[in-house]
Amino acid sequence: MFSDAAIQFRLSIKVRFQVPLRQTAAMVASLLKLSGLDWTVPDFSTLCRTQKTLAVQMSIGAEL
């Protein structure tokens, strides 16, 4: 089971970079590896089920 934060992170990547959900897996895995974190990336099926009930919260702060 993945935490809401892990799922929200992957959904946030999808929204922020406007990429299809399936394509976020490799990107998130790379970011975790670069950060030195040994976390498992939430799978596509879990995201599809969970995104229906989990609102992605994006801050509207400074742009990159």
N, C-alpha and C. Protein backbone atom coordinates (compact mmCIF):
# COMPACT_ATOMS: atom_id res chain seq x y z
N MET A 1 0.85 -1.18 0.00
CA MET A 1 0.00 0.00 0.00
C MET A 1 0.89 1.24 0.00
N PHE A 2 0.53 2.21 -0.80
CA PHE A 2 1.30 3.44 -0.90
C PHE A 2 0.61 4.55 -0.12
N SER A 3 1.39 5.46 0.41
CA SER A 3 0.81 6.57 1.14
C SER A 3 0.16 7.55 0.17
N ASP A 4 -0.76 8.34 0.68
CA ASP A 4 -1.38 9.38 -0.14
C ASP A 4 -0.33 10.36 -0.67
N ALA A 5 0.70 10.61 0.13
CA ALA A 5 1.75 11.54 -0.28
C ALA A 5 2.51 11.00 -1.50
N ALA A 6 2.81 9.71 -1.51
CA ALA A 6 3.53 9.11 -2.64
C ALA A 6 2.68 9.17 -3.90
N ILE A 7 1.41 8.90 -3.75
CA ILE A 7 0.50 8.94 -4.90
C ILE A 7 0.31 10.37 -5.37
N GLN A 8 0.15 11.29 -4.44
CA GLN A 8 -0.02 12.69 -4.81
C GLN A 8 1.23 13.22 -5.51
N PHE A 9 2.40 12.78 -5.09
CA PHE A 9 3.64 13.22 -5.72
C PHE A 9 3.64 12.84 -7.20
N ARG A 10 3.30 11.58 -7.49
CA ARG A 10 3.29 11.14 -8.89
C ARG A 10 2.20 11.85 -9.69
N LEU A 11 1.05 12.06 -9.10
CA LEU A 11 -0.01 12.79 -9.79
C LEU A 11 0.38 14.26 -10.00
N SER A 12 1.12 14.82 -9.05
CA SER A 12 1.59 16.21 -9.18
C SER A 12 2.57 16.34 -10.35
N ILE A 13 3.42 15.35 -10.51
CA ILE A 13 4.37 15.34 -11.64
C ILE A 13 3.58 15.32 -12.95
N LYS A 14 2.53 14.51 -12.99
CA LYS A 14 1.68 14.43 -14.18
C LYS A 14 1.09 15.79 -14.52
N VAL A 15 0.54 16.45 -13.52
CA VAL A 15 -0.11 17.74 -13.73
C VAL A 15 0.92 18.82 -14.07
N ARG A 16 1.98 18.88 -13.30
CA ARG A 16 2.98 19.95 -13.45
C ARG A 16 3.67 19.92 -14.81
N PHE A 17 4.03 18.71 -15.27
CA PHE A 17 4.77 18.59 -16.53
C PHE A 17 3.89 18.18 -17.70
N GLN A 18 2.58 18.06 -17.46
CA GLN A 18 1.60 17.75 -18.49
C GLN A 18 2.00 16.53 -19.32
N VAL A 19 2.27 15.43 -18.62
CA VAL A 19 2.62 14.17 -19.29
C VAL A 19 1.58 13.11 -18.92
N PRO A 20 1.41 12.12 -19.79
CA PRO A 20 0.48 11.03 -19.46
C PRO A 20 0.93 10.29 -18.20
N LEU A 21 -0.04 9.76 -17.50
CA LEU A 21 0.22 9.12 -16.21
C LEU A 21 1.25 7.99 -16.33
N ARG A 22 1.16 7.18 -17.36
CA ARG A 22 2.12 6.07 -17.53
C ARG A 22 3.56 6.56 -17.65
N GLN A 23 3.75 7.72 -18.24
CA GLN A 23 5.10 8.24 -18.45
C GLN A 23 5.73 8.82 -17.19
N THR A 24 4.95 9.01 -16.16
CA THR A 24 5.50 9.58 -14.94
C THR A 24 6.31 8.58 -14.13
N ALA A 25 6.14 7.29 -14.36
CA ALA A 25 6.82 6.27 -13.56
C ALA A 25 8.34 6.40 -13.64
N ALA A 26 8.87 6.48 -14.86
CA ALA A 26 10.32 6.57 -15.03
C ALA A 26 10.85 7.89 -14.48
N MET A 27 10.10 8.95 -14.69
CA MET A 27 10.53 10.26 -14.20
C MET A 27 10.61 10.28 -12.68
N VAL A 28 9.58 9.77 -12.04
CA VAL A 28 9.56 9.74 -10.57
C VAL A 28 10.65 8.81 -10.04
N ALA A 29 10.84 7.66 -10.69
CA ALA A 29 11.90 6.73 -10.27
C ALA A 29 13.27 7.41 -10.35
N SER A 30 13.50 8.17 -11.41
CA SER A 30 14.77 8.89 -11.56
C SER A 30 14.95 9.94 -10.48
N LEU A 31 13.89 10.69 -10.20
CA LEU A 31 13.97 11.71 -9.15
C LEU A 31 14.27 11.09 -7.79
N LEU A 32 13.62 9.97 -7.50
CA LEU A 32 13.88 9.29 -6.22
C LEU A 32 15.32 8.79 -6.15
N LYS A 33 15.82 8.24 -7.26
CA LYS A 33 17.20 7.74 -7.29
C LYS A 33 18.19 8.89 -7.09
N LEU A 34 17.94 10.01 -7.79
CA LEU A 34 18.82 11.18 -7.66
C LEU A 34 18.81 11.74 -6.23
N SER A 35 17.68 11.57 -5.56
CA SER A 35 17.54 12.05 -4.18
C SER A 35 18.14 11.08 -3.17
N GLY A 36 18.56 9.91 -3.66
CA GLY A 36 19.14 8.92 -2.77
C GLY A 36 18.10 8.15 -1.97
N LEU A 37 16.85 8.19 -2.42
CA LEU A 37 15.77 7.51 -1.71
C LEU A 37 15.50 6.15 -2.35
N ASP A 38 15.31 5.15 -1.53
CA ASP A 38 15.04 3.80 -2.01
C ASP A 38 13.55 3.48 -1.83
N TRP A 39 12.71 4.29 -2.45
CA TRP A 39 11.27 4.13 -2.33
C TRP A 39 10.73 3.44 -3.58
N THR A 40 9.62 2.75 -3.43
CA THR A 40 8.95 2.13 -4.55
C THR A 40 7.99 3.14 -5.18
N VAL A 41 7.99 3.20 -6.50
CA VAL A 41 7.11 4.12 -7.23
C VAL A 41 5.72 3.49 -7.32
N PRO A 42 4.66 4.22 -6.96
CA PRO A 42 3.31 3.68 -7.07
C PRO A 42 3.02 3.24 -8.51
N ASP A 43 2.42 2.05 -8.66
CA ASP A 43 2.16 1.52 -9.99
C ASP A 43 0.95 2.19 -10.64
N PHE A 44 0.83 1.99 -11.95
CA PHE A 44 -0.22 2.63 -12.74
C PHE A 44 -1.62 2.26 -12.25
N SER A 45 -1.85 1.00 -11.96
CA SER A 45 -3.19 0.56 -11.52
C SER A 45 -3.60 1.23 -10.22
N THR A 46 -2.67 1.32 -9.29
CA THR A 46 -2.95 1.97 -8.00
C THR A 46 -3.30 3.44 -8.23
N LEU A 47 -2.54 4.10 -9.09
CA LEU A 47 -2.80 5.51 -9.37
C LEU A 47 -4.16 5.72 -10.01
N CYS A 48 -4.51 4.86 -10.96
CA CYS A 48 -5.81 5.00 -11.64
C CYS A 48 -6.96 4.88 -10.65
N ARG A 49 -6.85 3.93 -9.73
CA ARG A 49 -7.91 3.75 -8.73
C ARG A 49 -7.95 4.91 -7.74
N THR A 50 -6.79 5.35 -7.30
CA THR A 50 -6.71 6.34 -6.23
C THR A 50 -6.97 7.76 -6.70
N GLN A 51 -6.60 8.09 -7.93
CA GLN A 51 -6.74 9.47 -8.39
C GLN A 51 -8.19 9.92 -8.46
N LYS A 52 -9.11 8.98 -8.47
CA LYS A 52 -10.53 9.33 -8.49
C LYS A 52 -10.98 9.96 -7.18
N THR A 53 -10.31 9.61 -6.09
CA THR A 53 -10.73 10.11 -4.77
C THR A 53 -9.70 11.03 -4.12
N LEU A 54 -8.51 11.14 -4.67
CA LEU A 54 -7.46 11.96 -4.08
C LEU A 54 -7.27 13.22 -4.92
N ALA A 55 -7.51 14.37 -4.33
CA ALA A 55 -7.33 15.64 -5.04
C ALA A 55 -5.86 16.02 -5.02
N VAL A 56 -5.31 16.32 -6.18
CA VAL A 56 -3.92 16.76 -6.27
C VAL A 56 -3.87 18.22 -5.87
N GLN A 57 -3.07 18.53 -4.87
CA GLN A 57 -2.97 19.89 -4.37
C GLN A 57 -1.67 20.51 -4.88
N MET A 58 -1.82 21.53 -5.71
CA MET A 58 -0.66 22.22 -6.25
C MET A 58 -0.62 23.62 -5.67
N SER A 59 0.55 24.03 -5.20
CA SER A 59 0.66 25.39 -4.71
C SER A 59 0.84 26.32 -5.92
N ILE A 60 0.39 27.54 -5.78
CA ILE A 60 0.45 28.50 -6.88
C ILE A 60 1.53 29.52 -6.56
N GLY A 61 2.63 29.07 -6.03
CA GLY A 61 3.71 29.96 -5.65
C GLY A 61 4.55 30.38 -6.85
N ALA A 62 5.79 30.65 -6.60
CA ALA A 62 6.70 31.10 -7.65
C ALA A 62 6.91 30.00 -8.69
N GLU A 63 6.96 30.39 -9.93
CA GLU A 63 7.21 29.46 -11.03
C GLU A 63 8.70 29.19 -11.15
N LEU A 64 9.02 28.04 -11.75
CA LEU A 64 10.43 27.68 -11.95
C LEU A 64 11.05 28.52 -13.03
